[in-house]
Amino acid sequence: MNAPKDSHPGDGDKTDSPRAEASPCPDAPEPMAEPHPEAGAVHAFAGMDFVWVPPGTFLMGSPLGEEDRYEDEVQHQVAIPEGFWLGKTQVSQAHWKAVTRSHPSEFQGNHLPVECVNWNDCRGFIQKLNAQSEGVFRLPTEAEWEYACRAGTTTAYCFGDDASNLGDYAWYDENSERTAHPVGRKKPNGWGLHDMHGNVWEWCEDLVVYPTDVKGAPSGDCRAVRGGSWSDFPRACRSANRPSHFPFSRRNNCGLRLARNP
């Protein structure tokens, strides 16, 4: 049956029939913002496990009374305005080879962290990874790295100030037997991140000038590396320690950990 046509003046009956008033539609509910995961939540991206690091503020650097601190660890408050994903472990050789088809490491093993990669190599790895449309991956900034390493702590290490407990969380000079070890074998920090101390140094995005916010430092020649390595004493593995390398430098104790945007 055909739907009735609208009547127009002059058609058919001379009397205009009243038109129905259009009733307003109820307001459509606004879409709810997707809730952020809890700190430490784990999600797999591109075949790697990532841990959710929530937004927040923290004191970056070390207090004047911290044992073995360096002068450049000036303590100051930093805001992390947006949460982000951070690799649960350092990037393994298996993951590096899957993306780049290259084998740069001195200590060979699929589950060992990739090393002998410089900052420029890491950027090339990330560029290829991002081309796979699994999200936007990048290196963390220094501020993001230290914030995630501390996981709410204010002590020299993520577990406290007593360096005698470092062996439970890190491969370093006293227990490494002068080699890198498989990622994720030591205890994690409070947010579930492994090897934030020791095993291999981790490249950060920043040029080494102390940043004032999460965006990183604007100038300088060297890029920050964080966390210490299998070849270092406990002092180098502290949360606030912030040495640097030239971006073209390759070392058998330096690798990377990936960050990913939400």
Protein backbone atom coordinates (compact mmCIF):
# COMPACT_ATOMS: atom_id res chain seq x y z
CA MET A 1 0.00 0.00 0.00
CA ASN A 2 1.47 3.38 -0.98
CA ALA A 3 2.16 5.88 1.76
CA PRO A 4 -0.18 8.92 1.58
CA LYS A 5 1.24 11.98 -0.10
CA ASP A 6 1.44 15.30 1.66
CA SER A 7 -1.58 17.46 0.78
CA HIS A 8 -0.94 20.87 -0.72
CA PRO A 9 -3.27 23.90 -0.96
CA GLY A 10 -5.37 23.71 -4.14
CA ASP A 11 -5.16 19.91 -4.36
CA GLY A 12 -8.33 17.95 -3.64
CA ASP A 13 -10.19 19.27 -0.60
CA LYS A 14 -10.01 23.06 -0.39
CA THR A 15 -9.56 22.87 3.38
CA ASP A 16 -5.96 22.50 4.46
CA SER A 17 -5.53 19.62 6.84
CA PRO A 18 -3.43 20.43 9.88
CA ARG A 19 0.09 19.05 9.82
CA ALA A 20 1.39 16.99 12.70
CA GLU A 21 3.92 18.77 14.84
CA ALA A 22 7.28 17.03 14.82
CA SER A 23 8.07 15.92 18.34
CA PRO A 24 11.64 16.56 19.42
CA CYS A 25 13.84 13.48 19.70
CA PRO A 26 15.17 12.76 23.14
CA ASP A 27 18.78 13.77 23.53
CA ALA A 28 21.05 10.93 22.45
CA PRO A 29 23.33 9.86 25.25
CA GLU A 30 26.89 11.01 24.76
CA PRO A 31 29.35 8.19 24.26
CA MET A 32 31.12 7.33 27.47
CA ALA A 33 34.86 7.86 27.55
CA GLU A 34 36.71 4.60 27.55
CA PRO A 35 38.11 4.08 31.05
CA HIS A 36 41.85 3.90 31.41
CA PRO A 37 43.31 0.60 32.57
CA GLU A 38 44.62 0.28 36.09
CA ALA A 39 48.32 0.81 36.73
CA GLY A 40 50.16 -2.35 35.83
CA ALA A 41 47.50 -3.73 33.47
CA VAL A 42 49.09 -5.80 30.69
CA HIS A 43 48.17 -5.81 27.01
CA ALA A 44 49.91 -7.37 24.01
CA PHE A 45 50.76 -5.21 20.98
CA ALA A 46 52.80 -6.38 17.99
CA GLY A 47 53.63 -9.61 19.78
CA MET A 48 55.06 -7.87 22.86
CA ASP A 49 53.59 -7.36 26.33
CA PHE A 50 53.08 -3.78 27.49
CA VAL A 51 52.21 -2.44 30.94
CA TRP A 52 49.90 0.53 31.49
CA VAL A 53 51.61 3.48 33.19
CA PRO A 54 48.99 5.91 34.54
CA PRO A 55 49.23 9.71 34.47
CA GLY A 56 50.51 11.45 37.59
CA THR A 57 53.21 13.62 39.11
CA PHE A 58 56.44 12.63 40.81
CA LEU A 59 59.76 13.94 42.10
CA MET A 60 62.34 13.32 39.41
CA GLY A 61 65.96 13.12 40.53
CA SER A 62 67.41 12.14 43.88
CA PRO A 63 67.43 13.78 47.33
CA LEU A 64 70.68 15.31 48.54
CA GLY A 65 71.05 12.57 51.13
CA GLU A 66 70.85 9.63 48.71
CA GLU A 67 73.98 7.51 48.81
CA ASP A 68 76.10 7.56 45.62
CA ARG A 69 73.99 10.24 43.92
CA TYR A 70 75.40 12.43 41.14
CA GLU A 71 75.16 16.23 41.07
CA ASP A 72 73.02 16.31 37.92
CA GLU A 73 70.18 14.43 39.66
CA VAL A 74 68.55 17.69 40.72
CA GLN A 75 65.23 16.85 42.33
CA HIS A 76 62.16 18.56 40.87
CA GLN A 77 58.49 17.80 40.35
CA VAL A 78 57.42 16.55 36.95
CA ALA A 79 53.91 15.98 35.60
CA ILE A 80 53.04 13.02 33.38
CA PRO A 81 49.73 14.33 31.98
CA GLU A 82 48.80 11.28 29.92
CA GLY A 83 49.14 7.60 30.61
CA PHE A 84 51.05 5.40 28.19
CA TRP A 85 52.04 1.81 27.57
CA LEU A 86 55.59 0.69 28.36
CA GLY A 87 57.23 -2.59 27.43
CA LYS A 88 57.01 -5.13 30.21
CA THR A 89 60.59 -6.08 29.37
CA GLN A 90 63.43 -4.77 27.30
CA VAL A 91 63.12 -5.53 23.57
CA SER A 92 64.40 -9.05 22.98
CA GLN A 93 66.55 -10.18 20.09
CA ALA A 94 63.62 -12.24 18.78
CA HIS A 95 61.43 -9.14 18.53
CA TRP A 96 64.21 -7.08 16.95
CA LYS A 97 64.92 -9.76 14.34
CA ALA A 98 61.21 -10.17 13.55
CA VAL A 99 61.01 -6.49 12.58
CA THR A 100 64.43 -5.73 11.10
CA ARG A 101 65.74 -9.15 9.98
CA SER A 102 69.07 -8.15 11.51
CA HIS A 103 71.25 -9.71 14.26
CA PRO A 104 73.30 -6.91 15.82
CA SER A 105 73.87 -8.31 19.33
CA GLU A 106 77.16 -9.58 20.70
CA PHE A 107 75.48 -12.00 23.11
CA GLN A 108 73.25 -14.09 20.86
CA GLY A 109 69.94 -15.59 22.04
CA ASN A 110 66.29 -15.01 21.16
CA HIS A 111 65.29 -14.24 24.75
CA LEU A 112 68.26 -12.03 25.49
CA PRO A 113 67.83 -8.26 25.20
CA VAL A 114 68.98 -6.79 21.92
CA GLU A 115 72.19 -4.77 22.37
CA CYS A 116 74.88 -3.18 20.20
CA VAL A 117 72.14 -0.91 18.83
CA ASN A 118 72.52 2.84 18.82
CA TRP A 119 69.82 5.48 19.17
CA ASN A 120 69.52 5.84 15.40
CA ASP A 121 69.13 2.06 15.01
CA CYS A 122 66.31 2.17 17.55
CA ARG A 123 64.53 4.89 15.61
CA GLY A 124 64.77 2.80 12.46
CA PHE A 125 63.34 -0.21 14.31
CA ILE A 126 60.44 1.90 15.57
CA GLN A 127 59.75 3.31 12.14
CA LYS A 128 59.41 -0.20 10.70
CA LEU A 129 57.28 -1.30 13.64
CA ASN A 130 54.93 1.65 13.23
CA ALA A 131 54.48 0.78 9.57
CA GLN A 132 52.75 -2.43 10.71
CA SER A 133 49.73 -0.39 11.94
CA GLU A 134 49.82 -1.84 15.46
CA GLY A 135 49.83 1.60 17.07
CA VAL A 136 52.33 4.38 17.60
CA PHE A 137 55.49 3.10 19.25
CA ARG A 138 58.39 5.27 20.39
CA LEU A 139 61.18 5.57 22.93
CA PRO A 140 60.13 6.85 26.35
CA THR A 141 61.33 10.23 27.52
CA GLU A 142 63.60 10.40 30.53
CA ALA A 143 60.74 11.65 32.67
CA GLU A 144 58.46 8.82 31.57
CA TRP A 145 61.21 6.27 32.13
CA GLU A 146 62.02 7.38 35.67
CA TYR A 147 58.35 7.73 36.58
CA ALA A 148 57.67 4.17 35.40
CA CYS A 149 60.80 2.82 37.07
CA ARG A 150 59.87 4.33 40.41
CA ALA A 151 56.25 3.15 40.23
CA GLY A 152 55.34 5.45 43.08
CA THR A 153 58.54 5.03 45.11
CA THR A 154 60.94 7.78 46.20
CA THR A 155 63.88 5.53 47.08
CA ALA A 156 67.17 4.86 45.31
CA TYR A 157 65.75 1.73 43.67
CA CYS A 158 62.21 0.65 42.89
CA PHE A 159 62.33 -1.69 45.90
CA GLY A 160 63.97 0.58 48.48
CA ASP A 161 67.38 1.97 49.40
CA ASP A 162 69.23 -1.22 50.32
CA ALA A 163 71.53 -2.16 47.43
CA SER A 164 72.04 -5.62 48.92
CA ASN A 165 68.61 -6.53 47.52
CA LEU A 166 69.47 -5.43 43.97
CA GLY A 167 70.25 -8.97 42.86
CA ASP A 168 66.59 -9.92 43.24
CA TYR A 169 65.62 -7.31 40.64
CA ALA A 170 68.62 -6.83 38.38
CA TRP A 171 71.49 -8.40 36.49
CA TYR A 172 74.48 -6.23 37.35
CA ASP A 173 78.22 -6.47 37.96
CA GLU A 174 78.05 -8.78 40.98
CA ASN A 175 75.73 -11.47 39.56
CA SER A 176 75.79 -11.21 35.77
CA GLU A 177 78.97 -13.20 35.05
CA ARG A 178 79.80 -10.45 32.54
CA THR A 179 76.99 -11.17 30.11
CA ALA A 180 73.40 -10.17 29.35
CA HIS A 181 70.59 -12.47 30.52
CA PRO A 182 67.11 -13.39 29.22
CA VAL A 183 64.60 -10.60 29.76
CA GLY A 184 61.96 -10.83 32.49
CA ARG A 185 63.71 -13.31 34.79
CA LYS A 186 64.13 -10.98 37.77
CA LYS A 187 61.43 -9.57 40.07
CA PRO A 188 59.34 -6.73 38.57
CA ASN A 189 58.77 -3.34 40.12
CA GLY A 190 55.46 -2.29 41.65
CA TRP A 191 53.79 -1.84 38.25
CA GLY A 192 54.99 -5.15 36.84
CA LEU A 193 57.93 -3.89 34.78
CA HIS A 194 60.97 -6.18 34.66
CA ASP A 195 64.65 -5.22 34.37
CA MET A 196 64.17 -1.52 35.02
CA HIS A 197 67.46 -1.92 36.88
CA GLY A 198 70.30 -3.69 35.13
CA ASN A 199 70.69 -6.15 32.24
CA VAL A 200 71.12 -3.49 29.51
CA TRP A 201 70.94 0.29 29.47
CA GLU A 202 67.81 1.63 27.79
CA TRP A 203 67.84 4.43 25.24
CA CYS A 204 65.46 7.33 25.89
CA GLU A 205 64.16 9.92 23.45
CA ASP A 206 65.73 12.89 25.22
CA LEU A 207 68.77 14.90 24.46
CA VAL A 208 70.50 15.30 27.78
CA VAL A 209 69.43 18.61 29.22
CA TYR A 210 67.24 18.26 32.27
CA PRO A 211 63.63 18.30 30.98
CA THR A 212 60.94 20.28 32.73
CA ASP A 213 58.06 18.19 31.51
CA VAL A 214 57.18 14.92 29.82
CA LYS A 215 57.93 16.27 26.33
CA GLY A 216 61.64 15.99 26.94
CA ALA A 217 64.65 18.22 26.59
CA PRO A 218 65.05 20.59 23.64
CA SER A 219 68.79 20.61 22.95
CA GLY A 220 72.12 18.84 23.42
CA ASP A 221 74.38 16.33 21.68
CA CYS A 222 73.91 13.06 23.58
CA ARG A 223 70.84 10.94 24.21
CA ALA A 224 69.87 9.70 27.64
CA VAL A 225 70.28 6.08 28.65
CA ARG A 226 68.72 4.71 31.83
CA GLY A 227 68.70 1.75 34.19
CA GLY A 228 72.24 0.40 34.34
CA SER A 229 73.45 -2.89 32.91
CA TRP A 230 75.06 -6.27 33.49
CA SER A 231 78.47 -4.55 33.62
CA ASP A 232 77.64 -1.84 36.17
CA PHE A 233 77.91 -1.34 39.92
CA PRO A 234 74.74 -0.64 41.96
CA ARG A 235 75.33 3.11 41.83
CA ALA A 236 74.70 3.15 38.08
CA CYS A 237 71.47 1.15 38.41
CA ARG A 238 69.69 3.65 40.66
CA SER A 239 66.36 5.09 39.48
CA ALA A 240 67.70 8.67 39.22
CA ASN A 241 71.00 7.97 37.46
CA ARG A 242 71.05 9.67 34.04
CA PRO A 243 74.12 9.17 31.88
CA SER A 244 74.13 9.58 28.12
CA HIS A 245 75.71 8.30 24.89
CA PHE A 246 76.21 9.80 21.46
CA PRO A 247 73.31 8.68 19.22
CA PHE A 248 75.72 6.78 16.95
CA SER A 249 77.28 4.83 19.85
CA ARG A 250 76.81 1.04 19.93
CA ARG A 251 77.63 -0.95 23.07
CA ASN A 252 77.12 -4.53 24.15
CA ASN A 253 75.37 -3.35 27.31
CA CYS A 254 72.84 -0.97 25.74
CA GLY A 255 69.43 -1.77 24.24
CA LEU A 256 65.92 -0.35 24.48
CA ARG A 257 62.42 -0.61 25.92
CA LEU A 258 59.46 0.56 23.87
CA ALA A 259 56.73 2.98 24.82
CA ARG A 260 53.38 3.05 23.02
CA ASN A 261 50.79 5.80 22.87
CA PRO A 262 47.31 4.92 24.21
